[in-house]
PDB file of all heavy atoms in Angstrom:
ATOM      1  N   GLN A   1       0.827  -1.206   0.000  1.00  0.00           N
ATOM      2  CA  GLN A   1       0.000   0.000   0.000  1.00  0.00           C
ATOM      3  C   GLN A   1       0.866   1.263   0.000  1.00  0.00           C
ATOM      4  O   GLN A   1       0.546   2.234  -0.700  1.00  0.00           O
ATOM      5  CB  GLN A   1      -0.914  -0.001   1.232  1.00  0.00           C
ATOM      6  CG  GLN A   1      -1.919   1.141   1.238  1.00  0.00           C
ATOM      7  CD  GLN A   1      -2.746   1.158   2.509  1.00  0.00           C
ATOM      8  OE1 GLN A   1      -2.231   1.407   3.589  1.00  0.00           O
ATOM      9  NE2 GLN A   1      -4.043   0.894   2.368  1.00  0.00           N
ATOM     10  N   ALA A   2       1.971   1.251   0.767  1.00  0.00           N
ATOM     11  CA  ALA A   2       2.839   2.428   0.803  1.00  0.00           C
ATOM     12  C   ALA A   2       3.443   2.705  -0.575  1.00  0.00           C
ATOM     13  O   ALA A   2       3.508   3.865  -1.014  1.00  0.00           O
ATOM     14  CB  ALA A   2       3.945   2.217   1.838  1.00  0.00           C
ATOM     15  N   ARG A   3       3.880   1.655  -1.238  1.00  0.00           N
ATOM     16  CA  ARG A   3       4.443   1.850  -2.588  1.00  0.00           C
ATOM     17  C   ARG A   3       3.379   2.400  -3.539  1.00  0.00           C
ATOM     18  O   ARG A   3       3.668   3.276  -4.374  1.00  0.00           O
ATOM     19  CB  ARG A   3       4.990   0.527  -3.119  1.00  0.00           C
ATOM     20  CG  ARG A   3       6.225   0.023  -2.394  1.00  0.00           C
ATOM     21  CD  ARG A   3       6.736  -1.264  -3.040  1.00  0.00           C
ATOM     22  NE  ARG A   3       7.803  -1.871  -2.274  1.00  0.00           N
ATOM     23  CZ  ARG A   3       9.079  -1.526  -2.352  1.00  0.00           C
ATOM     24  NH1 ARG A   3       9.445  -0.553  -3.192  1.00  0.00           N
ATOM     25  NH2 ARG A   3      10.005  -2.141  -1.635  1.00  0.00           N
ATOM     26  N   ALA A   4       2.145   1.905  -3.418  1.00  0.00           N
ATOM     27  CA  ALA A   4       1.082   2.377  -4.296  1.00  0.00           C
ATOM     28  C   ALA A   4       0.734   3.837  -4.015  1.00  0.00           C
ATOM     29  O   ALA A   4       0.499   4.627  -4.942  1.00  0.00           O
ATOM     30  CB  ALA A   4      -0.155   1.491  -4.127  1.00  0.00           C
ATOM     31  N   ILE A   5       0.700   4.211  -2.726  1.00  0.00           N
ATOM     32  CA  ILE A   5       0.424   5.610  -2.375  1.00  0.00           C
ATOM     33  C   ILE A   5       1.506   6.519  -2.938  1.00  0.00           C
ATOM     34  O   ILE A   5       1.225   7.591  -3.500  1.00  0.00           O
ATOM     35  CB  ILE A   5       0.322   5.762  -0.842  1.00  0.00           C
ATOM     36  CG1 ILE A   5      -0.945   5.072  -0.328  1.00  0.00           C
ATOM     37  CG2 ILE A   5       0.322   7.235  -0.441  1.00  0.00           C
ATOM     38  CD1 ILE A   5      -1.046   5.032   1.187  1.00  0.00           C
ATOM     39  N   ALA A   6       2.777   6.093  -2.804  1.00  0.00           N
ATOM     40  CA  ALA A   6       3.880   6.888  -3.345  1.00  0.00           C
ATOM     41  C   ALA A   6       3.763   7.014  -4.858  1.00  0.00           C
ATOM     42  O   ALA A   6       4.054   8.074  -5.433  1.00  0.00           O
ATOM     43  CB  ALA A   6       5.223   6.260  -2.960  1.00  0.00           C
ATOM     44  N   GLN A   7       3.303   5.943  -5.520  1.00  0.00           N
ATOM     45  CA  GLN A   7       3.141   5.979  -6.974  1.00  0.00           C
ATOM     46  C   GLN A   7       2.031   6.953  -7.379  1.00  0.00           C
ATOM     47  O   GLN A   7       2.164   7.695  -8.361  1.00  0.00           O
ATOM     48  CB  GLN A   7       2.832   4.579  -7.502  1.00  0.00           C
ATOM     49  CG  GLN A   7       2.469   4.521  -8.982  1.00  0.00           C
ATOM     50  CD  GLN A   7       3.567   5.075  -9.885  1.00  0.00           C
ATOM     51  OE1 GLN A   7       4.727   5.142  -9.487  1.00  0.00           O
ATOM     52  NE2 GLN A   7       3.184   5.483 -11.090  1.00  0.00           N
ATOM     53  N   VAL A   8       0.923   6.963  -6.626  1.00  0.00           N
ATOM     54  CA  VAL A   8      -0.147   7.923  -6.917  1.00  0.00           C
ATOM     55  C   VAL A   8       0.377   9.350  -6.802  1.00  0.00           C
ATOM     56  O   VAL A   8       0.129  10.200  -7.668  1.00  0.00           O
ATOM     57  CB  VAL A   8      -1.341   7.710  -5.966  1.00  0.00           C
ATOM     58  CG1 VAL A   8      -2.369   8.823  -6.135  1.00  0.00           C
ATOM     59  CG2 VAL A   8      -1.987   6.358  -6.213  1.00  0.00           C
ATOM     60  N   SER A   9       1.127   9.616  -5.729  1.00  0.00           N
ATOM     61  CA  SER A   9       1.669  10.958  -5.550  1.00  0.00           C
ATOM     62  C   SER A   9       2.626  11.326  -6.672  1.00  0.00           C
ATOM     63  O   SER A   9       2.615  12.454  -7.177  1.00  0.00           O
ATOM     64  CB  SER A   9       2.385  11.038  -4.193  1.00  0.00           C
ATOM     65  OG  SER A   9       2.957  12.313  -3.996  1.00  0.00           O
ATOM     66  N   ARG A  10       3.469  10.361  -7.065  1.00  0.00           N
ATOM     67  CA  ARG A  10       4.421  10.615  -8.142  1.00  0.00           C
ATOM     68  C   ARG A  10       3.679  10.879  -9.455  1.00  0.00           C
ATOM     69  O   ARG A  10       4.019  11.799 -10.210  1.00  0.00           O
ATOM     70  CB  ARG A  10       5.366   9.419  -8.272  1.00  0.00           C
ATOM     71  CG  ARG A  10       6.488   9.609  -9.281  1.00  0.00           C
ATOM     72  CD  ARG A  10       7.600   8.587  -9.088  1.00  0.00           C
ATOM     73  NE  ARG A  10       7.077   7.237  -8.992  1.00  0.00           N
ATOM     74  CZ  ARG A  10       7.163   6.486  -7.884  1.00  0.00           C
ATOM     75  NH1 ARG A  10       7.727   6.967  -6.798  1.00  0.00           N
ATOM     76  NH2 ARG A  10       6.684   5.256  -7.872  1.00  0.00           N
ATOM     77  N   ALA A  11       2.645  10.093  -9.747  1.00  0.00           N
ATOM     78  CA  ALA A  11       1.885  10.266 -10.985  1.00  0.00           C
ATOM     79  C   ALA A  11       1.137  11.592 -11.008  1.00  0.00           C
ATOM     80  O   ALA A  11       0.907  12.172 -12.079  1.00  0.00           O
ATOM     81  CB  ALA A  11       0.896   9.112 -11.154  1.00  0.00           C
ATOM     82  N   ARG A  12       0.764  12.089  -9.824  1.00  0.00           N
ATOM     83  CA  ARG A  12       0.071  13.374  -9.740  1.00  0.00           C
ATOM     84  C   ARG A  12       1.042  14.551  -9.613  1.00  0.00           C
ATOM     85  O   ARG A  12       0.624  15.671  -9.338  1.00  0.00           O
ATOM     86  CB  ARG A  12      -0.864  13.392  -8.534  1.00  0.00           C
ATOM     87  CG  ARG A  12      -1.977  12.349  -8.561  1.00  0.00           C
ATOM     88  CD  ARG A  12      -2.895  12.541  -9.726  1.00  0.00           C
ATOM     89  NE  ARG A  12      -4.100  11.723  -9.616  1.00  0.00           N
ATOM     90  CZ  ARG A  12      -4.795  11.295 -10.641  1.00  0.00           C
ATOM     91  NH1 ARG A  12      -4.386  11.592 -11.881  1.00  0.00           N
ATOM     92  NH2 ARG A  12      -5.872  10.566 -10.464  1.00  0.00           N
ATOM     93  N   GLY A  13       2.334  14.265  -9.784  1.00  0.00           N
ATOM     94  CA  GLY A  13       3.316  15.343  -9.695  1.00  0.00           C
ATOM     95  C   GLY A  13       3.452  15.921  -8.304  1.00  0.00           C
ATOM     96  O   GLY A  13       3.845  17.078  -8.142  1.00  0.00           O
ATOM     97  N   GLY A  14       3.137  15.110  -7.277  1.00  0.00           N
ATOM     98  CA  GLY A  14       3.244  15.577  -5.892  1.00  0.00           C
ATOM     99  C   GLY A  14       2.197  16.599  -5.512  1.00  0.00           C
ATOM    100  O   GLY A  14       2.389  17.355  -4.552  1.00  0.00           O
ATOM    101  N   ALA A  15       1.077  16.620  -6.217  1.00  0.00           N
ATOM    102  CA  ALA A  15       0.025  17.598  -5.932  1.00  0.00           C
ATOM    103  C   ALA A  15      -0.468  17.466  -4.493  1.00  0.00           C
ATOM    104  O   ALA A  15      -0.603  16.352  -3.964  1.00  0.00           O
ATOM    105  CB  ALA A  15      -1.140  17.412  -6.902  1.00  0.00           C
ATOM    106  N   ARG A  16      -0.782  18.593  -3.870  1.00  0.00           N
ATOM    107  CA  ARG A  16      -1.206  18.591  -2.480  1.00  0.00           C
ATOM    108  C   ARG A  16      -2.563  17.906  -2.306  1.00  0.00           C
ATOM    109  O   ARG A  16      -2.895  17.439  -1.220  1.00  0.00           O
ATOM    110  CB  ARG A  16      -1.275  20.031  -1.956  1.00  0.00           C
ATOM    111  CG  ARG A  16       0.082  20.735  -1.937  1.00  0.00           C
ATOM    112  CD  ARG A  16      -0.049  22.161  -1.453  1.00  0.00           C
ATOM    113  NE  ARG A  16      -0.590  22.223  -0.094  1.00  0.00           N
ATOM    114  CZ  ARG A  16      -0.837  23.364   0.538  1.00  0.00           C
ATOM    115  NH1 ARG A  16      -0.610  24.527  -0.068  1.00  0.00           N
ATOM    116  NH2 ARG A  16      -1.328  23.351   1.768  1.00  0.00           N
ATOM    117  N   TRP A  17      -3.352  17.843  -3.388  1.00  0.00           N
ATOM    118  CA  TRP A  17      -4.685  17.265  -3.258  1.00  0.00           C
ATOM    119  C   TRP A  17      -4.705  15.745  -3.379  1.00  0.00           C
ATOM    120  O   TRP A  17      -5.786  15.141  -3.401  1.00  0.00           O
ATOM    121  CB  TRP A  17      -5.649  17.883  -4.285  1.00  0.00           C
ATOM    122  CG  TRP A  17      -5.123  17.963  -5.688  1.00  0.00           C
ATOM    123  CD1 TRP A  17      -4.576  19.053  -6.299  1.00  0.00           C
ATOM    124  CD2 TRP A  17      -5.106  16.908  -6.663  1.00  0.00           C
ATOM    125  NE1 TRP A  17      -4.210  18.768  -7.586  1.00  0.00           N
ATOM    126  CE2 TRP A  17      -4.530  17.450  -7.842  1.00  0.00           C
ATOM    127  CE3 TRP A  17      -5.511  15.580  -6.675  1.00  0.00           C
ATOM    128  CZ2 TRP A  17      -4.355  16.693  -8.999  1.00  0.00           C
ATOM    129  CZ3 TRP A  17      -5.338  14.827  -7.827  1.00  0.00           C
ATOM    130  CH2 TRP A  17      -4.758  15.382  -8.969  1.00  0.00           C
ATOM    131  N   VAL A  18      -3.527  15.124  -3.435  1.00  0.00           N
ATOM    132  CA  VAL A  18      -3.486  13.659  -3.458  1.00  0.00           C
ATOM    133  C   VAL A  18      -4.161  13.094  -2.203  1.00  0.00           C
ATOM    134  O   VAL A  18      -4.865  12.074  -2.258  1.00  0.00           O
ATOM    135  CB  VAL A  18      -2.034  13.159  -3.572  1.00  0.00           C
ATOM    136  CG1 VAL A  18      -1.958  11.657  -3.296  1.00  0.00           C
ATOM    137  CG2 VAL A  18      -1.483  13.467  -4.951  1.00  0.00           C
ATOM    138  N   ALA A  19      -3.963  13.763  -1.073  1.00  0.00           N
ATOM    139  CA  ALA A  19      -4.595  13.299   0.165  1.00  0.00           C
ATOM    140  C   ALA A  19      -6.115  13.345   0.051  1.00  0.00           C
ATOM    141  O   ALA A  19      -6.815  12.468   0.574  1.00  0.00           O
ATOM    142  CB  ALA A  19      -4.129  14.139   1.350  1.00  0.00           C
ATOM    143  N   ASP A  20      -6.638  14.368  -0.628  1.00  0.00           N
ATOM    144  CA  ASP A  20      -8.089  14.454  -0.812  1.00  0.00           C
ATOM    145  C   ASP A  20      -8.594  13.305  -1.677  1.00  0.00           C
ATOM    146  O   ASP A  20      -9.696  12.788  -1.472  1.00  0.00           O
ATOM    147  CB  ASP A  20      -8.452  15.793  -1.469  1.00  0.00           C
ATOM    148  CG  ASP A  20      -8.083  16.973  -0.591  1.00  0.00           C
ATOM    149  OD1 ASP A  20      -8.838  17.265   0.351  1.00  0.00           O
ATOM    150  OD2 ASP A  20      -7.030  17.591  -0.843  1.00  0.00           O
ATOM    151  N   GLU A  21      -7.771  12.888  -2.651  1.00  0.00           N
ATOM    152  CA  GLU A  21      -8.170  11.810  -3.539  1.00  0.00           C
ATOM    153  C   GLU A  21      -8.169  10.456  -2.835  1.00  0.00           C
ATOM    154  O   GLU A  21      -9.038   9.607  -3.080  1.00  0.00           O
ATOM    155  CB  GLU A  21      -7.225  11.769  -4.746  1.00  0.00           C
ATOM    156  CG  GLU A  21      -7.572  10.703  -5.777  1.00  0.00           C
ATOM    157  CD  GLU A  21      -6.628  10.727  -6.962  1.00  0.00           C
ATOM    158  OE1 GLU A  21      -5.574  11.399  -6.888  1.00  0.00           O
ATOM    159  OE2 GLU A  21      -6.952  10.067  -7.971  1.00  0.00           O
ATOM    160  N   LEU A  22      -7.202  10.261  -1.935  1.00  0.00           N
ATOM    161  CA  LEU A  22      -7.041   8.956  -1.302  1.00  0.00           C
ATOM    162  C   LEU A  22      -7.801   8.810   0.016  1.00  0.00           C
ATOM    163  O   LEU A  22      -8.090   7.683   0.436  1.00  0.00           O
ATOM    164  CB  LEU A  22      -5.557   8.682  -1.048  1.00  0.00           C
ATOM    165  CG  LEU A  22      -4.683   8.488  -2.293  1.00  0.00           C
ATOM    166  CD1 LEU A  22      -3.225   8.305  -1.883  1.00  0.00           C
ATOM    167  CD2 LEU A  22      -5.158   7.286  -3.100  1.00  0.00           C
ATOM    168  N   ALA A  23      -8.112   9.912   0.674  1.00  0.00           N
ATOM    169  CA  ALA A  23      -8.752   9.839   1.993  1.00  0.00           C
ATOM    170  C   ALA A  23     -10.028   9.003   1.994  1.00  0.00           C
ATOM    171  O   ALA A  23     -10.218   8.159   2.890  1.00  0.00           O
ATOM    172  CB  ALA A  23      -9.018  11.245   2.534  1.00  0.00           C
ATOM    173  N   PRO A  24     -10.940   9.183   1.023  1.00  0.00           N
ATOM    174  CA  PRO A  24     -12.161   8.358   1.055  1.00  0.00           C
ATOM    175  C   PRO A  24     -11.871   6.870   0.896  1.00  0.00           C
ATOM    176  O   PRO A  24     -12.595   6.032   1.460  1.00  0.00           O
ATOM    177  CB  PRO A  24     -12.979   8.891  -0.130  1.00  0.00           C
ATOM    178  CG  PRO A  24     -12.440  10.260  -0.393  1.00  0.00           C
ATOM    179  CD  PRO A  24     -10.976  10.172  -0.073  1.00  0.00           C
ATOM    180  N   GLU A  25     -10.839   6.528   0.116  1.00  0.00           N
ATOM    181  CA  GLU A  25     -10.523   5.120  -0.105  1.00  0.00           C
ATOM    182  C   GLU A  25      -9.837   4.493   1.107  1.00  0.00           C
ATOM    183  O   GLU A  25     -10.005   3.313   1.390  1.00  0.00           O
ATOM    184  CB  GLU A  25      -9.638   4.968  -1.347  1.00  0.00           C
ATOM    185  CG  GLU A  25     -10.267   5.499  -2.627  1.00  0.00           C
ATOM    186  CD  GLU A  25     -11.595   4.819  -2.915  1.00  0.00           C
ATOM    187  OE1 GLU A  25     -11.766   3.644  -2.526  1.00  0.00           O
ATOM    188  OE2 GLU A  25     -12.466   5.468  -3.525  1.00  0.00           O
ATOM    189  N   LEU A  26      -9.044   5.296   1.826  1.00  0.00           N
ATOM    190  CA  LEU A  26      -8.365   4.794   3.020  1.00  0.00           C
ATOM    191  C   LEU A  26      -9.257   4.836   4.245  1.00  0.00           C
ATOM    192  O   LEU A  26      -8.883   4.309   5.303  1.00  0.00           O
ATOM    193  CB  LEU A  26      -7.093   5.613   3.281  1.00  0.00           C
ATOM    194  CG  LEU A  26      -5.958   5.440   2.272  1.00  0.00           C
ATOM    195  CD1 LEU A  26      -4.842   6.431   2.551  1.00  0.00           C
ATOM    196  CD2 LEU A  26      -5.421   4.016   2.309  1.00  0.00           C
ATOM    197  N   ARG A  27     -10.424   5.499   4.121  1.00  0.00           N
ATOM    198  CA  ARG A  27     -11.350   5.678   5.258  1.00  0.00           C
ATOM    199  C   ARG A  27     -10.663   6.441   6.391  1.00  0.00           C
ATOM    200  O   ARG A  27     -10.834   6.129   7.568  1.00  0.00           O
ATOM    201  CB  ARG A  27     -11.862   4.325   5.782  1.00  0.00           C
ATOM    202  CG  ARG A  27     -12.394   3.362   4.742  1.00  0.00           C
ATOM    203  CD  ARG A  27     -13.636   3.891   4.022  1.00  0.00           C
ATOM    204  NE  ARG A  27     -14.354   2.824   3.333  1.00  0.00           N
ATOM    205  CZ  ARG A  27     -14.147   2.466   2.059  1.00  0.00           C
ATOM    206  NH1 ARG A  27     -13.203   3.094   1.359  1.00  0.00           N
ATOM    207  NH2 ARG A  27     -14.846   1.505   1.497  1.00  0.00           N
ATOM    208  N   LEU A  28      -9.879   7.442   6.004  1.00  0.00           N
ATOM    209  CA  LEU A  28      -9.153   8.262   6.962  1.00  0.00           C
ATOM    210  C   LEU A  28      -9.467   9.730   6.718  1.00  0.00           C
ATOM    211  O   LEU A  28      -9.964  10.101   5.651  1.00  0.00           O
ATOM    212  CB  LEU A  28      -7.641   8.035   6.841  1.00  0.00           C
ATOM    213  CG  LEU A  28      -7.116   6.622   7.116  1.00  0.00           C
ATOM    214  CD1 LEU A  28      -5.636   6.534   6.765  1.00  0.00           C
ATOM    215  CD2 LEU A  28      -7.342   6.233   8.575  1.00  0.00           C
ATOM    216  N   SER A  29      -9.147  10.569   7.706  1.00  0.00           N
ATOM    217  CA  SER A  29      -9.320  12.004   7.508  1.00  0.00           C
ATOM    218  C   SER A  29      -8.281  12.507   6.509  1.00  0.00           C
ATOM    219  O   SER A  29      -7.271  11.845   6.248  1.00  0.00           O
ATOM    220  CB  SER A  29      -9.151  12.743   8.834  1.00  0.00           C
ATOM    221  OG  SER A  29      -7.796  12.674   9.262  1.00  0.00           O
ATOM    222  N   ARG A  30      -8.529  13.688   5.967  1.00  0.00           N
ATOM    223  CA  ARG A  30      -7.579  14.256   5.022  1.00  0.00           C
ATOM    224  C   ARG A  30      -6.221  14.473   5.685  1.00  0.00           C
ATOM    225  O   ARG A  30      -5.177  14.223   5.084  1.00  0.00           O
ATOM    226  CB  ARG A  30      -8.109  15.589   4.480  1.00  0.00           C
ATOM    227  CG  ARG A  30      -7.190  16.166   3.411  1.00  0.00           C
ATOM    228  CD  ARG A  30      -7.393  17.645   3.174  1.00  0.00           C
ATOM    229  NE  ARG A  30      -6.409  18.125   2.213  1.00  0.00           N
ATOM    230  CZ  ARG A  30      -5.140  18.404   2.501  1.00  0.00           C
ATOM    231  NH1 ARG A  30      -4.704  18.226   3.737  1.00  0.00           N
ATOM    232  NH2 ARG A  30      -4.304  18.834   1.568  1.00  0.00           N
ATOM    233  N   GLU A  31      -6.214  14.946   6.935  1.00  0.00           N
ATOM    234  CA  GLU A  31      -4.954  15.225   7.629  1.00  0.00           C
ATOM    235  C   GLU A  31      -4.168  13.938   7.858  1.00  0.00           C
ATOM    236  O   GLU A  31      -2.949  13.885   7.634  1.00  0.00           O
ATOM    237  CB  GLU A  31      -5.235  15.911   8.977  1.00  0.00           C
ATOM    238  CG  GLU A  31      -5.796  17.316   8.872  1.00  0.00           C
ATOM    239  CD  GLU A  31      -7.251  17.357   8.438  1.00  0.00           C
ATOM    240  OE1 GLU A  31      -7.924  16.284   8.506  1.00  0.00           O
ATOM    241  OE2 GLU A  31      -7.727  18.429   8.030  1.00  0.00           O
TER     242      GLU A  31
END
């Protein structure tokens, strides 16, 4: 999962909104 999260961030160019994209899937808060 950590490698996949890092890949999403890399594919999004390190955009700050990556957390907003993944939070619903991880069932976690944005922070």
